[in-house]
């Protein structure tokens, strides 16, 4: 057995381990510094979004995404410093992300739609809207769903993908609304008399806006009546109360003017066939 040279073995171990230890220490420093930078970036983004008055639900989500994205890059860089091949790790994460994305594509679609709703804000909490095939007042907007309260006080939870992917009607955006009404009078009635009676009703109603001016016009000649179009404007909060009151007031005004609201009529002509002798 040859002589065992401990000093030579020690020198070899030092030469082998020193670069690796330095790389490990460097990777730890990179992780520590990267984590500090990620925390700082998260705070900066959080404060910037709050100053921009972005929705409260979106602020922590976006700032957290920035934090984890920086941390992911830092971890990959640290692994590369200690000699680990990061290409295969990135490929594994990419494949796993693709599989998860395919499995949760419906959930991810709702998530993406929720982000778009919170960024572009087509409606806010408390707005009366019609979206996703339902109508109601917006109670909450989350990342995955939007909660509405129907007029009869039923909670409706709509997936965000169904809201963002369809037409959205927001009845609370504009300060005024137009009431579209159709009034029928008999063919025997005087059209101008009926229109004057309707105008008196609209003029007497203080909730009807004078600008834009109400529209009163003959819409069409129907099968059983002359159809008069009535379109007054009002503040949006008064829409339904004013519509109901005008419906009654216009009917009573037409009756006082001597006009009638006809029922659908149909003329039936009977012809008797002549019978020839047997």
Protein backbone atom coordinates (compact mmCIF):
# COMPACT_ATOMS: atom_id res chain seq x y z
CA UNK A 1 0.00 0.00 0.00
CA UNK A 2 1.39 3.38 -1.00
CA UNK A 3 1.88 6.24 1.36
CA UNK A 4 -1.32 8.18 2.10
CA UNK A 5 -0.69 11.88 1.51
CA UNK A 6 -3.29 13.75 3.58
CA UNK A 7 -2.01 17.17 2.57
CA UNK A 8 -2.34 16.38 -1.12
CA UNK A 9 -5.88 15.07 -0.58
CA UNK A 10 -6.80 18.20 1.32
CA UNK A 11 -5.46 20.43 -1.44
CA UNK A 12 -7.45 18.49 -4.04
CA UNK A 13 -10.64 18.74 -2.02
CA UNK A 14 -10.13 22.45 -1.51
CA UNK A 15 -9.52 22.97 -5.22
CA UNK A 16 -12.68 21.01 -6.05
CA UNK A 17 -15.00 22.37 -3.38
CA UNK A 18 -13.93 26.02 -3.38
CA UNK A 19 -15.51 26.96 -6.72
CA UNK A 20 -18.68 25.03 -5.86
CA UNK A 21 -18.96 26.67 -2.42
CA UNK A 22 -18.41 30.08 -3.96
CA UNK A 23 -21.11 29.34 -6.52
CA UNK A 24 -23.50 28.25 -3.78
CA UNK A 25 -22.76 31.38 -1.77
CA UNK A 26 -23.24 33.46 -4.90
CA UNK A 27 -26.56 31.74 -5.59
CA UNK A 28 -27.70 32.42 -2.02
CA UNK A 29 -26.75 36.07 -2.41
CA UNK A 30 -28.64 36.23 -5.69
CA UNK A 31 -31.71 34.68 -4.03
CA UNK A 32 -31.55 37.16 -1.14
CA UNK A 33 -31.03 40.19 -3.36
CA UNK A 34 -33.63 38.99 -5.86
CA UNK A 35 -36.20 38.48 -3.10
CA UNK A 36 -35.54 42.00 -1.83
CA UNK A 37 -35.93 43.41 -5.35
CA UNK A 38 -39.14 41.42 -5.86
CA UNK A 39 -40.59 42.76 -2.60
CA UNK A 40 -39.60 46.30 -3.54
CA UNK A 41 -41.16 45.94 -7.02
CA UNK A 42 -44.35 44.55 -5.50
CA UNK A 43 -44.62 47.54 -3.19
CA UNK A 44 -43.97 50.01 -6.01
CA UNK A 45 -46.61 48.42 -8.23
CA UNK A 46 -49.09 48.25 -5.34
CA UNK A 47 -48.69 51.94 -4.54
CA UNK A 48 -48.81 52.95 -8.20
CA UNK A 49 -52.07 51.06 -8.74
CA UNK A 50 -53.59 52.60 -5.61
CA UNK A 51 -52.64 56.09 -6.81
CA UNK A 52 -54.21 55.27 -10.18
CA UNK A 53 -57.40 54.25 -8.28
CA UNK A 54 -57.45 50.78 -9.79
CA UNK A 55 -60.07 48.38 -8.43
CA UNK A 56 -59.19 47.02 -4.96
CA UNK A 57 -59.57 43.44 -6.18
CA UNK A 58 -57.01 43.92 -8.95
CA UNK A 59 -54.30 45.71 -6.93
CA UNK A 60 -53.05 42.77 -4.79
CA UNK A 61 -53.38 40.38 -7.71
CA UNK A 62 -51.21 42.41 -10.11
CA UNK A 63 -48.61 43.24 -7.45
CA UNK A 64 -48.37 39.56 -6.46
CA UNK A 65 -47.93 38.54 -10.10
CA UNK A 66 -45.01 40.97 -10.40
CA UNK A 67 -43.44 39.55 -7.23
CA UNK A 68 -43.68 35.89 -8.27
CA UNK A 69 -42.50 36.62 -11.81
CA UNK A 70 -39.29 38.24 -10.51
CA UNK A 71 -38.78 35.43 -7.98
CA UNK A 72 -39.12 32.83 -10.75
CA UNK A 73 -36.38 34.52 -12.81
CA UNK A 74 -34.16 34.80 -9.72
CA UNK A 75 -34.55 31.10 -8.85
CA UNK A 76 -33.68 30.06 -12.41
CA UNK A 77 -30.60 32.30 -12.33
CA UNK A 78 -29.51 30.89 -8.95
CA UNK A 79 -29.86 27.30 -10.16
CA UNK A 80 -27.75 28.13 -13.19
CA UNK A 81 -24.98 29.52 -10.97
CA UNK A 82 -24.55 26.21 -9.12
CA UNK A 83 -24.32 24.26 -12.36
CA UNK A 84 -27.86 22.90 -12.67
CA UNK A 85 -29.13 22.78 -16.23
CA UNK A 86 -32.14 25.06 -16.16
CA UNK A 87 -33.29 24.35 -19.70
CA UNK A 88 -34.80 21.01 -18.75
CA UNK A 89 -36.43 22.52 -15.65
CA UNK A 90 -37.98 25.30 -17.72
CA UNK A 91 -39.23 22.72 -20.22
CA UNK A 92 -40.83 20.68 -17.42
CA UNK A 93 -42.55 23.76 -15.98
CA UNK A 94 -43.72 24.78 -19.44
CA UNK A 95 -45.19 21.33 -20.08
CA UNK A 96 -46.85 21.31 -16.66
CA UNK A 97 -48.23 24.79 -17.26
CA UNK A 98 -49.65 23.72 -20.61
CA UNK A 99 -51.33 20.67 -19.06
CA UNK A 100 -52.81 22.72 -16.24
CA UNK A 101 -53.96 25.37 -18.71
CA UNK A 102 -55.76 22.82 -20.86
CA UNK A 103 -57.41 21.25 -17.81
CA UNK A 104 -58.52 24.61 -16.45
CA UNK A 105 -59.24 26.44 -19.68
CA UNK A 106 -62.77 27.35 -18.58
CA UNK A 107 -61.52 28.70 -15.26
CA UNK A 108 -58.68 30.56 -16.96
CA UNK A 109 -61.16 32.10 -19.41
CA UNK A 110 -63.20 33.40 -16.46
CA UNK A 111 -60.01 34.64 -14.84
CA UNK A 112 -58.88 36.50 -17.97
CA UNK A 113 -62.36 37.99 -18.40
CA UNK A 114 -62.35 39.09 -14.76
CA UNK A 115 -59.04 40.89 -15.25
CA UNK A 116 -60.43 42.66 -18.33
CA UNK A 117 -63.57 43.68 -16.43
CA UNK A 118 -61.52 45.09 -13.57
CA UNK A 119 -59.18 46.96 -15.93
CA UNK A 120 -61.65 48.46 -18.40
CA UNK A 121 -64.54 48.80 -15.92
CA UNK A 122 -67.59 48.66 -18.23
CA UNK A 123 -69.67 48.73 -15.04
CA UNK A 124 -69.18 49.27 -11.32
CA UNK A 125 -70.74 48.03 -8.12
CA UNK A 126 -74.28 49.39 -7.82
CA UNK A 127 -74.84 49.80 -11.58
CA UNK A 128 -77.97 48.34 -13.15
CA UNK A 129 -76.82 46.25 -16.10
CA UNK A 130 -77.90 43.54 -18.50
CA UNK A 131 -75.13 41.04 -19.30
CA UNK A 132 -74.63 37.33 -19.70
CA UNK A 133 -78.32 36.85 -20.46
CA UNK A 134 -79.46 38.25 -17.09
CA UNK A 135 -80.30 41.69 -15.70
CA UNK A 136 -79.80 43.16 -12.25
CA UNK A 137 -77.78 45.43 -10.00
CA UNK A 138 -74.06 44.68 -9.66
CA UNK A 139 -73.27 43.55 -6.12
CA UNK A 140 -69.67 42.32 -6.51
CA UNK A 141 -67.00 41.88 -9.19
CA UNK A 142 -64.42 39.20 -8.46
CA UNK A 143 -61.69 37.59 -10.52
CA UNK A 144 -63.85 34.66 -11.62
CA UNK A 145 -67.50 35.73 -11.25
CA UNK A 146 -69.80 38.75 -11.18
CA UNK A 147 -72.68 38.78 -8.69
CA UNK A 148 -75.93 40.54 -9.61
CA UNK A 149 -79.08 41.18 -7.62
CA UNK A 150 -82.22 40.79 -9.72
CA UNK A 151 -85.18 43.21 -9.38
CA UNK A 152 -86.96 40.61 -7.23
CA UNK A 153 -83.88 40.38 -4.94
CA UNK A 154 -82.43 37.09 -6.18
CA UNK A 155 -78.64 36.76 -6.17
CA UNK A 156 -77.32 35.77 -9.61
CA UNK A 157 -73.69 34.63 -9.99
CA UNK A 158 -72.50 34.92 -13.61
CA UNK A 159 -69.12 33.56 -14.84
CA UNK A 160 -66.99 36.44 -16.06
CA UNK A 161 -66.40 34.80 -19.43
CA UNK A 162 -70.15 34.99 -20.09
CA UNK A 163 -70.21 38.66 -19.11
CA UNK A 164 -67.14 39.86 -21.02
CA UNK A 165 -67.86 37.75 -24.11
CA UNK A 166 -71.33 39.20 -24.70
CA UNK A 167 -73.00 42.57 -25.12
CA UNK A 168 -73.18 44.59 -21.89
CA UNK A 169 -75.98 47.08 -21.34
CA UNK A 170 -75.22 49.53 -18.54
CA UNK A 171 -78.29 51.53 -17.56
CA UNK A 172 -76.37 53.61 -15.01
CA UNK A 173 -73.69 55.12 -17.24
CA UNK A 174 -75.63 58.03 -18.75
CA UNK A 175 -77.44 60.51 -16.46
CA UNK A 176 -80.63 60.56 -18.56
CA UNK A 177 -82.82 57.98 -20.28
CA UNK A 178 -85.54 58.04 -22.91
CA UNK A 179 -88.91 56.41 -22.28
CA UNK A 180 -90.30 54.72 -25.39
CA UNK A 181 -94.08 54.39 -25.33
CA UNK A 182 -96.67 53.55 -28.00
CA UNK A 183 -100.26 54.81 -27.75
CA UNK A 184 -103.07 53.58 -29.99
CA UNK A 185 -106.13 55.62 -30.94
CA UNK A 186 -109.12 54.73 -33.07
CA UNK A 187 -109.23 55.65 -36.74
CA UNK A 188 -112.32 57.76 -36.04
CA UNK A 189 -110.39 59.97 -33.57
CA UNK A 190 -108.67 63.18 -34.57
CA UNK A 191 -104.91 62.62 -34.56
CA UNK A 192 -104.02 66.21 -33.68
CA UNK A 193 -106.45 66.20 -30.77
CA UNK A 194 -104.80 63.07 -29.39
CA UNK A 195 -101.29 64.49 -29.86
CA UNK A 196 -102.28 67.73 -28.11
CA UNK A 197 -103.70 65.75 -25.20
CA UNK A 198 -100.46 63.78 -24.87
CA UNK A 199 -98.41 67.00 -25.05
CA UNK A 200 -100.44 68.52 -22.20
CA UNK A 201 -99.73 65.47 -20.06
CA UNK A 202 -95.98 65.68 -20.74
CA UNK A 203 -95.89 69.44 -20.11
CA UNK A 204 -97.68 69.09 -16.78
CA UNK A 205 -95.26 66.37 -15.61
CA UNK A 206 -92.27 68.07 -13.94
CA UNK A 207 -90.11 64.95 -14.12
CA UNK A 208 -90.13 65.06 -17.94
CA UNK A 209 -87.06 66.91 -19.21
CA UNK A 210 -87.58 69.76 -21.61
CA UNK A 211 -84.18 69.18 -23.20
CA UNK A 212 -84.04 66.95 -25.15
CA UNK A 213 -87.60 67.76 -26.09
CA UNK A 214 -90.15 64.93 -26.00
CA UNK A 215 -91.08 63.33 -29.30
CA UNK A 216 -94.72 62.76 -30.26
CA UNK A 217 -95.24 61.37 -33.75
CA UNK A 218 -97.46 59.03 -35.75
CA UNK A 219 -95.50 55.81 -35.95
CA UNK A 220 -97.70 53.73 -38.25
CA UNK A 221 -101.22 52.93 -39.31
CA UNK A 222 -101.96 49.63 -37.66
CA UNK A 223 -104.59 47.02 -38.45
CA UNK A 224 -107.01 48.31 -35.82
CA UNK A 225 -105.59 51.65 -34.66
CA UNK A 226 -103.36 54.61 -35.36
CA UNK A 227 -100.10 54.09 -33.44
CA UNK A 228 -98.65 57.25 -31.88
CA UNK A 229 -95.03 57.18 -30.66
CA UNK A 230 -94.33 58.99 -27.36
CA UNK A 231 -90.69 59.48 -26.30
CA UNK A 232 -90.05 61.74 -23.29
CA UNK A 233 -86.68 62.02 -21.49
CA UNK A 234 -86.02 61.87 -17.75
CA UNK A 235 -83.28 61.37 -15.17
CA UNK A 236 -82.30 57.72 -15.09
CA UNK A 237 -83.29 57.24 -11.44
CA UNK A 238 -86.87 58.30 -12.23
CA UNK A 239 -87.31 56.04 -15.27
CA UNK A 240 -89.67 53.36 -13.99
CA UNK A 241 -91.77 55.55 -11.67
CA UNK A 242 -92.27 58.10 -14.44
CA UNK A 243 -93.07 55.44 -17.05
CA UNK A 244 -95.80 53.94 -14.89
CA UNK A 245 -97.28 57.32 -14.02
CA UNK A 246 -97.24 58.51 -17.65
CA UNK A 247 -98.99 55.35 -18.84
CA UNK A 248 -101.93 56.11 -16.59
CA UNK A 249 -101.88 59.88 -17.14
CA UNK A 250 -101.84 59.56 -20.96
CA UNK A 251 -104.78 57.16 -20.95
CA UNK A 252 -106.80 59.49 -18.74
CA UNK A 253 -105.79 62.50 -20.83
CA UNK A 254 -106.91 60.81 -24.05
CA UNK A 255 -110.25 59.91 -22.47
CA UNK A 256 -110.82 63.52 -21.40
CA UNK A 257 -110.07 64.64 -24.96
CA UNK A 258 -112.72 62.26 -26.30
CA UNK A 259 -110.27 59.79 -27.85
CA UNK A 260 -110.58 56.05 -27.50
CA UNK A 261 -108.06 53.27 -27.26
CA UNK A 262 -109.52 50.57 -29.53
CA UNK A 263 -109.42 46.85 -29.08
CA UNK A 264 -108.11 44.69 -31.91
CA UNK A 265 -110.89 44.24 -34.44
CA UNK A 266 -111.52 41.87 -37.28
CA UNK A 267 -114.25 42.14 -39.89
CA UNK A 268 -115.80 38.81 -40.86
CA UNK A 269 -117.83 38.63 -44.08
CA UNK A 270 -120.20 35.70 -44.51
CA UNK A 271 -121.17 34.56 -47.98
CA UNK A 272 -124.04 32.14 -48.52
CA UNK A 273 -123.46 29.70 -51.32
CA UNK A 274 -126.37 29.16 -53.61
CA UNK A 275 -127.52 25.53 -53.82
CA UNK A 276 -128.71 24.11 -57.10
CA UNK A 277 -131.72 21.85 -57.08
CA UNK A 278 -131.25 18.23 -56.31
